[in-house]
Amino acid sequence: MAADTGAGMTATRMNAGSDAQLARVLSSLDEDKALDVVQIDLRGKTAIGDHMVICSGRSTRQVTAMSEKLAERLKTELGVLAKIEGKETGDWVLIDTGDIIVHVFRPEVREFYQLEKMWLQGHEAGGTPI
């Protein structure tokens, strides 16, 4: 899968498989003190990606900073270019590598949209709180 990043680049799986990407996503979010990290295995459920990660930041500034750092780490360490949406407002930022979809929310916005409930409905065993 490839997605346009808006800068003429595409989100690609250059050298890192989805498991390596997922491991780096989770460690990056941990390093940046993300709250309530949930990992959802999408394999066999949808073609949009292999994994979804949902987490929260304490403020719009933290949400934006975590998202930017994550995209930069994936690029420099794994050669993965990611598409980022929503960092201008910092309420809900989506990072899409093609294999991994990461949603970084402010807590109030996360509570309103309740994405994990939608994706885990009927598949409770697929979500793993970190």
C-alpha atoms as a PDB file:
ATOM      1  CA  MET A   1       0.000   0.000   0.000  1.00  0.00           C
ATOM      2  CA  ALA A   2       1.198   3.510  -0.664  1.00  0.00           C
ATOM      3  CA  ALA A   3      -0.305   6.841   0.261  1.00  0.00           C
ATOM      4  CA  ASP A   4       0.545  10.318  -0.986  1.00  0.00           C
ATOM      5  CA  THR A   5       2.197  12.402   1.727  1.00  0.00           C
ATOM      6  CA  GLY A   6       1.351  15.678   0.018  1.00  0.00           C
ATOM      7  CA  ALA A   7       5.038  16.422  -0.544  1.00  0.00           C
ATOM      8  CA  GLY A   8       5.442  14.161  -3.549  1.00  0.00           C
ATOM      9  CA  MET A   9       6.562  11.249  -1.358  1.00  0.00           C
ATOM     10  CA  THR A  10       4.689   8.075  -0.597  1.00  0.00           C
ATOM     11  CA  ALA A  11       4.266   5.993   2.535  1.00  0.00           C
ATOM     12  CA  THR A  12       6.246   2.860   1.760  1.00  0.00           C
ATOM     13  CA  ARG A  13       7.549  -0.348   3.243  1.00  0.00           C
ATOM     14  CA  MET A  14      11.119   0.244   2.134  1.00  0.00           C
ATOM     15  CA  ASN A  15      13.105  -1.966   4.496  1.00  0.00           C
ATOM     16  CA  ALA A  16      10.926  -2.660   7.508  1.00  0.00           C
ATOM     17  CA  GLY A  17       8.121  -5.180   7.811  1.00  0.00           C
ATOM     18  CA  SER A  18       4.990  -4.429   9.774  1.00  0.00           C
ATOM     19  CA  ASP A  19       6.262  -6.158  12.935  1.00  0.00           C
ATOM     20  CA  ALA A  20       9.447  -4.045  12.964  1.00  0.00           C
ATOM     21  CA  GLN A  21       7.405  -0.919  12.308  1.00  0.00           C
ATOM     22  CA  LEU A  22       4.978  -1.804  15.091  1.00  0.00           C
ATOM     23  CA  ALA A  23       7.814  -2.375  17.560  1.00  0.00           C
ATOM     24  CA  ARG A  24       9.333   1.010  16.734  1.00  0.00           C
ATOM     25  CA  VAL A  25       5.951   2.759  16.896  1.00  0.00           C
ATOM     26  CA  LEU A  26       5.302   1.330  20.361  1.00  0.00           C
ATOM     27  CA  SER A  27       8.777   2.166  21.647  1.00  0.00           C
ATOM     28  CA  SER A  28       8.580   5.706  20.244  1.00  0.00           C
ATOM     29  CA  LEU A  29       5.229   6.323  21.905  1.00  0.00           C
ATOM     30  CA  ASP A  30       6.599   4.935  25.176  1.00  0.00           C
ATOM     31  CA  GLU A  31       9.664   7.210  24.955  1.00  0.00           C
ATOM     32  CA  ASP A  32       7.367  10.209  24.475  1.00  0.00           C
ATOM     33  CA  LYS A  33       5.095   9.262  27.407  1.00  0.00           C
ATOM     34  CA  ALA A  34       1.956   8.451  25.402  1.00  0.00           C
ATOM     35  CA  LEU A  35      -1.047   7.568  27.559  1.00  0.00           C
ATOM     36  CA  ASP A  36      -3.365   4.553  27.306  1.00  0.00           C
ATOM     37  CA  VAL A  37      -1.690   2.912  24.315  1.00  0.00           C
ATOM     38  CA  VAL A  38      -3.845   0.242  22.665  1.00  0.00           C
ATOM     39  CA  GLN A  39      -2.639  -2.035  19.869  1.00  0.00           C
ATOM     40  CA  ILE A  40      -5.189  -3.649  17.543  1.00  0.00           C
ATOM     41  CA  ASP A  41      -4.237  -6.464  15.183  1.00  0.00           C
ATOM     42  CA  LEU A  42      -6.002  -5.802  11.869  1.00  0.00           C
ATOM     43  CA  ARG A  43      -4.617  -8.782   9.942  1.00  0.00           C
ATOM     44  CA  GLY A  44      -7.469 -10.805   8.517  1.00  0.00           C
ATOM     45  CA  LYS A  45     -10.012  -8.105   9.438  1.00  0.00           C
ATOM     46  CA  THR A  46      -9.323  -5.395   6.867  1.00  0.00           C
ATOM     47  CA  ALA A  47      -6.958  -4.509   4.050  1.00  0.00           C
ATOM     48  CA  ILE A  48      -6.183  -1.004   5.363  1.00  0.00           C
ATOM     49  CA  GLY A  49      -3.172  -2.208   7.336  1.00  0.00           C
ATOM     50  CA  ASP A  50      -1.744  -4.881   9.599  1.00  0.00           C
ATOM     51  CA  HIS A  51      -1.930  -3.013  12.904  1.00  0.00           C
ATOM     52  CA  MET A  52      -3.648  -0.011  14.455  1.00  0.00           C
ATOM     53  CA  VAL A  53      -2.280   1.806  17.483  1.00  0.00           C
ATOM     54  CA  ILE A  54      -4.385   4.284  19.449  1.00  0.00           C
ATOM     55  CA  CYS A  55      -2.986   6.495  22.195  1.00  0.00           C
ATOM     56  CA  SER A  56      -3.431   9.830  23.903  1.00  0.00           C
ATOM     57  CA  GLY A  57      -1.280  12.830  24.695  1.00  0.00           C
ATOM     58  CA  ARG A  58      -1.903  15.283  27.520  1.00  0.00           C
ATOM     59  CA  SER A  59      -2.165  18.387  25.303  1.00  0.00           C
ATOM     60  CA  THR A  60      -2.288  19.487  21.676  1.00  0.00           C
ATOM     61  CA  ARG A  61       1.415  20.275  21.912  1.00  0.00           C
ATOM     62  CA  GLN A  62       2.285  16.764  23.114  1.00  0.00           C
ATOM     63  CA  VAL A  63       0.015  15.125  20.503  1.00  0.00           C
ATOM     64  CA  THR A  64       1.702  17.086  17.714  1.00  0.00           C
ATOM     65  CA  ALA A  65       5.235  16.531  19.045  1.00  0.00           C
ATOM     66  CA  MET A  66       4.739  12.771  19.523  1.00  0.00           C
ATOM     67  CA  SER A  67       3.381  12.477  15.987  1.00  0.00           C
ATOM     68  CA  GLU A  68       6.214  14.435  14.410  1.00  0.00           C
ATOM     69  CA  LYS A  69       8.868  12.509  16.354  1.00  0.00           C
ATOM     70  CA  LEU A  70       7.275   9.185  15.445  1.00  0.00           C
ATOM     71  CA  ALA A  71       7.235   9.998  11.722  1.00  0.00           C
ATOM     72  CA  GLU A  72      10.844  11.206  11.863  1.00  0.00           C
ATOM     73  CA  ARG A  73      12.042   8.104  13.753  1.00  0.00           C
ATOM     74  CA  LEU A  74      10.330   5.777  11.286  1.00  0.00           C
ATOM     75  CA  LYS A  75      11.957   7.633   8.405  1.00  0.00           C
ATOM     76  CA  THR A  76      15.486   7.822   9.782  1.00  0.00           C
ATOM     77  CA  GLU A  77      15.648   4.437  11.508  1.00  0.00           C
ATOM     78  CA  LEU A  78      13.547   2.214   9.245  1.00  0.00           C
ATOM     79  CA  GLY A  79      13.359   4.115   5.963  1.00  0.00           C
ATOM     80  CA  VAL A  80       9.565   4.310   6.212  1.00  0.00           C
ATOM     81  CA  LEU A  81       7.851   7.445   4.939  1.00  0.00           C
ATOM     82  CA  ALA A  82       4.515   8.081   6.635  1.00  0.00           C
ATOM     83  CA  LYS A  83       1.546  10.235   5.761  1.00  0.00           C
ATOM     84  CA  ILE A  84       0.471  12.557   8.595  1.00  0.00           C
ATOM     85  CA  GLU A  85      -2.945  14.192   8.901  1.00  0.00           C
ATOM     86  CA  GLY A  86      -4.274  16.552  11.580  1.00  0.00           C
ATOM     87  CA  LYS A  87      -1.085  17.868  13.151  1.00  0.00           C
ATOM     88  CA  GLU A  88      -2.144  21.462  12.475  1.00  0.00           C
ATOM     89  CA  THR A  89      -4.826  21.284  15.183  1.00  0.00           C
ATOM     90  CA  GLY A  90      -3.254  18.660  17.440  1.00  0.00           C
ATOM     91  CA  ASP A  91      -6.569  17.181  18.597  1.00  0.00           C
ATOM     92  CA  TRP A  92      -6.321  13.980  16.554  1.00  0.00           C
ATOM     93  CA  VAL A  93      -3.284  13.132  14.459  1.00  0.00           C
ATOM     94  CA  LEU A  94      -3.226  10.145  12.128  1.00  0.00           C
ATOM     95  CA  ILE A  95       0.079   8.626  11.017  1.00  0.00           C
ATOM     96  CA  ASP A  96      -0.188   6.049   8.218  1.00  0.00           C
ATOM     97  CA  THR A  97       2.784   3.961   7.087  1.00  0.00           C
ATOM     98  CA  GLY A  98       0.708   1.681   4.879  1.00  0.00           C
ATOM     99  CA  ASP A  99       1.150  -1.223   7.323  1.00  0.00           C
ATOM    100  CA  ILE A 100       0.579   0.594  10.617  1.00  0.00           C
ATOM    101  CA  ILE A 101      -2.083   3.202  11.350  1.00  0.00           C
ATOM    102  CA  VAL A 102      -1.458   5.302  14.441  1.00  0.00           C
ATOM    103  CA  HIS A 103      -4.083   7.582  15.993  1.00  0.00           C
ATOM    104  CA  VAL A 104      -2.797  10.076  18.566  1.00  0.00           C
ATOM    105  CA  PHE A 105      -5.582  11.899  20.408  1.00  0.00           C
ATOM    106  CA  ARG A 106      -6.156  14.422  23.127  1.00  0.00           C
ATOM    107  CA  PRO A 107      -8.092  12.444  25.790  1.00  0.00           C
ATOM    108  CA  GLU A 108     -11.371  14.336  25.292  1.00  0.00           C
ATOM    109  CA  VAL A 109     -11.328  13.761  21.535  1.00  0.00           C
ATOM    110  CA  ARG A 110     -10.468  10.092  21.979  1.00  0.00           C
ATOM    111  CA  GLU A 111     -13.375   9.651  24.365  1.00  0.00           C
ATOM    112  CA  PHE A 112     -15.745  11.314  21.888  1.00  0.00           C
ATOM    113  CA  TYR A 113     -14.793   9.141  18.878  1.00  0.00           C
ATOM    114  CA  GLN A 114     -14.146   5.871  20.770  1.00  0.00           C
ATOM    115  CA  LEU A 115     -12.263   4.253  17.877  1.00  0.00           C
ATOM    116  CA  GLU A 116     -11.100   1.295  19.894  1.00  0.00           C
ATOM    117  CA  LYS A 117     -14.696   0.336  20.672  1.00  0.00           C
ATOM    118  CA  MET A 118     -15.534   0.392  16.973  1.00  0.00           C
ATOM    119  CA  TRP A 119     -12.538  -1.753  15.976  1.00  0.00           C
ATOM    120  CA  LEU A 120     -12.719  -4.094  18.956  1.00  0.00           C
ATOM    121  CA  GLN A 121     -16.487  -4.681  18.778  1.00  0.00           C
ATOM    122  CA  GLY A 122     -16.847  -8.430  18.502  1.00  0.00           C
ATOM    123  CA  HIS A 123     -13.034  -8.797  18.515  1.00  0.00           C
ATOM    124  CA  GLU A 124     -12.139  -7.976  22.128  1.00  0.00           C
ATOM    125  CA  ALA A 125      -9.238 -10.424  22.085  1.00  0.00           C
ATOM    126  CA  GLY A 126      -7.604  -8.479  19.243  1.00  0.00           C
ATOM    127  CA  GLY A 127      -6.855  -5.329  21.247  1.00  0.00           C
ATOM    128  CA  THR A 128      -3.913  -5.258  23.539  1.00  0.00           C
ATOM    129  CA  PRO A 129      -3.496  -2.478  26.084  1.00  0.00           C
ATOM    130  CA  ILE A 130       0.192  -1.661  26.378  1.00  0.00           C
END
